[in-house]
Amino acid sequence: MNEGINEYLEGNFEQAMHNFDEVMKADSSFWPVHYYRGLCHKNSRKLKLAAQDFNKAISLNSNAPEPYLELGEIYHFRNKFLVFH
């Protein structure tokens, strides 16, 4: 997990996602891995995949505020884009 976070922080989103996928194979119920993979998708402009990961993180831990905040940003961006384009 830490390797994936470090790769994410360095902007290596594809490598980070690979690391997070490996963590998911070991424990798919660990909500932070879905959250961080969602961040990678979001920063790679794959908003639909990011939303799916944030929703999964929420379903695993509805008390964590971070996935809600990220999901809110995605919905805000989508609505802003649809209104002005």
C-alpha atoms as a PDB file:
ATOM      1  CA  MET A   1       0.000   0.000   0.000  1.00  0.00           C
ATOM      2  CA  ASN A   2       2.783   2.416   0.935  1.00  0.00           C
ATOM      3  CA  GLU A   3       4.519   1.878  -2.408  1.00  0.00           C
ATOM      4  CA  GLY A   4       1.307   2.782  -4.197  1.00  0.00           C
ATOM      5  CA  ILE A   5       0.870   5.935  -2.130  1.00  0.00           C
ATOM      6  CA  ASN A   6       4.470   6.960  -2.834  1.00  0.00           C
ATOM      7  CA  GLU A   7       3.974   6.380  -6.564  1.00  0.00           C
ATOM      8  CA  TYR A   8       0.753   8.401  -6.428  1.00  0.00           C
ATOM      9  CA  LEU A   9       2.477  11.288  -4.633  1.00  0.00           C
ATOM     10  CA  GLU A  10       5.214  11.266  -7.287  1.00  0.00           C
ATOM     11  CA  GLY A  11       2.594  11.461 -10.059  1.00  0.00           C
ATOM     12  CA  ASN A  12       3.167   7.909 -11.303  1.00  0.00           C
ATOM     13  CA  PHE A  13      -0.525   7.067 -11.456  1.00  0.00           C
ATOM     14  CA  GLU A  14      -0.290   3.945 -13.620  1.00  0.00           C
ATOM     15  CA  GLN A  15       2.351   2.366 -11.377  1.00  0.00           C
ATOM     16  CA  ALA A  16       0.395   3.392  -8.292  1.00  0.00           C
ATOM     17  CA  MET A  17      -2.758   1.749  -9.689  1.00  0.00           C
ATOM     18  CA  HIS A  18      -0.790  -1.425 -10.335  1.00  0.00           C
ATOM     19  CA  ASN A  19       0.356  -1.428  -6.693  1.00  0.00           C
ATOM     20  CA  PHE A  20      -3.172  -0.776  -5.458  1.00  0.00           C
ATOM     21  CA  ASP A  21      -4.512  -3.599  -7.639  1.00  0.00           C
ATOM     22  CA  GLU A  22      -2.039  -5.951  -5.953  1.00  0.00           C
ATOM     23  CA  VAL A  23      -3.246  -4.830  -2.518  1.00  0.00           C
ATOM     24  CA  MET A  24      -6.851  -5.412  -3.623  1.00  0.00           C
ATOM     25  CA  LYS A  25      -5.998  -8.975  -4.578  1.00  0.00           C
ATOM     26  CA  ALA A  26      -4.918  -9.561  -0.978  1.00  0.00           C
ATOM     27  CA  ASP A  27      -7.763  -7.651   0.682  1.00  0.00           C
ATOM     28  CA  SER A  28     -10.514  -6.090  -1.420  1.00  0.00           C
ATOM     29  CA  SER A  29     -12.364  -4.918   1.706  1.00  0.00           C
ATOM     30  CA  PHE A  30      -9.634  -2.414   2.653  1.00  0.00           C
ATOM     31  CA  TRP A  31     -11.404   0.851   1.830  1.00  0.00           C
ATOM     32  CA  PRO A  32      -8.287   3.099   1.584  1.00  0.00           C
ATOM     33  CA  VAL A  33      -6.992   1.158  -1.409  1.00  0.00           C
ATOM     34  CA  HIS A  34     -10.205   1.942  -3.311  1.00  0.00           C
ATOM     35  CA  TYR A  35      -9.900   5.581  -2.277  1.00  0.00           C
ATOM     36  CA  TYR A  36      -6.308   5.913  -3.469  1.00  0.00           C
ATOM     37  CA  ARG A  37      -6.986   4.064  -6.702  1.00  0.00           C
ATOM     38  CA  GLY A  38      -9.869   6.478  -7.225  1.00  0.00           C
ATOM     39  CA  LEU A  39      -7.458   9.385  -6.797  1.00  0.00           C
ATOM     40  CA  CYS A  40      -5.235   7.887  -9.467  1.00  0.00           C
ATOM     41  CA  HIS A  41      -8.174   7.542 -11.842  1.00  0.00           C
ATOM     42  CA  LYS A  42      -9.295  11.080 -11.075  1.00  0.00           C
ATOM     43  CA  ASN A  43      -5.850  12.502 -11.793  1.00  0.00           C
ATOM     44  CA  SER A  44      -5.730  10.470 -15.011  1.00  0.00           C
ATOM     45  CA  ARG A  45      -9.056  12.048 -16.047  1.00  0.00           C
ATOM     46  CA  LYS A  46     -10.882   8.708 -15.803  1.00  0.00           C
ATOM     47  CA  LEU A  47     -13.729  10.179 -13.815  1.00  0.00           C
ATOM     48  CA  LYS A  48     -16.194   7.312 -14.222  1.00  0.00           C
ATOM     49  CA  LEU A  49     -13.658   4.820 -12.870  1.00  0.00           C
ATOM     50  CA  ALA A  50     -12.722   7.231 -10.090  1.00  0.00           C
ATOM     51  CA  ALA A  51     -16.377   7.553  -9.069  1.00  0.00           C
ATOM     52  CA  GLN A  52     -16.706   3.777  -8.982  1.00  0.00           C
ATOM     53  CA  ASP A  53     -13.717   3.477  -6.665  1.00  0.00           C
ATOM     54  CA  PHE A  54     -14.924   6.272  -4.385  1.00  0.00           C
ATOM     55  CA  ASN A  55     -18.373   4.665  -4.189  1.00  0.00           C
ATOM     56  CA  LYS A  56     -16.757   1.335  -3.305  1.00  0.00           C
ATOM     57  CA  ALA A  57     -14.701   3.022  -0.574  1.00  0.00           C
ATOM     58  CA  ILE A  58     -17.897   4.568   0.791  1.00  0.00           C
ATOM     59  CA  SER A  59     -19.686   1.230   0.755  1.00  0.00           C
ATOM     60  CA  LEU A  60     -16.840  -0.274   2.797  1.00  0.00           C
ATOM     61  CA  ASN A  61     -16.576   2.612   5.284  1.00  0.00           C
ATOM     62  CA  SER A  62     -19.380   5.150   5.232  1.00  0.00           C
ATOM     63  CA  ASN A  63     -17.730   7.135   8.053  1.00  0.00           C
ATOM     64  CA  ALA A  64     -14.662   8.168   6.050  1.00  0.00           C
ATOM     65  CA  PRO A  65     -15.152  11.699   4.682  1.00  0.00           C
ATOM     66  CA  GLU A  66     -12.435  11.614   2.000  1.00  0.00           C
ATOM     67  CA  PRO A  67     -14.272   9.528  -0.619  1.00  0.00           C
ATOM     68  CA  TYR A  68     -17.377  11.702  -0.255  1.00  0.00           C
ATOM     69  CA  LEU A  69     -15.328  14.848  -0.851  1.00  0.00           C
ATOM     70  CA  GLU A  70     -13.685  13.418  -3.959  1.00  0.00           C
ATOM     71  CA  LEU A  71     -16.989  12.148  -5.304  1.00  0.00           C
ATOM     72  CA  GLY A  72     -18.509  15.577  -4.728  1.00  0.00           C
ATOM     73  CA  GLU A  73     -15.707  17.180  -6.741  1.00  0.00           C
ATOM     74  CA  ILE A  74     -16.326  14.776  -9.622  1.00  0.00           C
ATOM     75  CA  TYR A  75     -20.052  15.501  -9.647  1.00  0.00           C
ATOM     76  CA  HIS A  76     -19.376  19.234  -9.443  1.00  0.00           C
ATOM     77  CA  PHE A  77     -16.941  19.033 -12.362  1.00  0.00           C
ATOM     78  CA  ARG A  78     -19.353  16.963 -14.453  1.00  0.00           C
ATOM     79  CA  ASN A  79     -22.214  19.390 -13.862  1.00  0.00           C
ATOM     80  CA  LYS A  80     -20.035  22.406 -14.572  1.00  0.00           C
ATOM     81  CA  PHE A  81     -18.819  20.820 -17.800  1.00  0.00           C
ATOM     82  CA  LEU A  82     -22.328  19.885 -18.923  1.00  0.00           C
ATOM     83  CA  VAL A  83     -23.714  23.376 -18.236  1.00  0.00           C
ATOM     84  CA  PHE A  84     -20.997  25.268 -20.084  1.00  0.00           C
ATOM     85  CA  HIS A  85     -20.243  22.931 -22.979  1.00  0.00           C
END
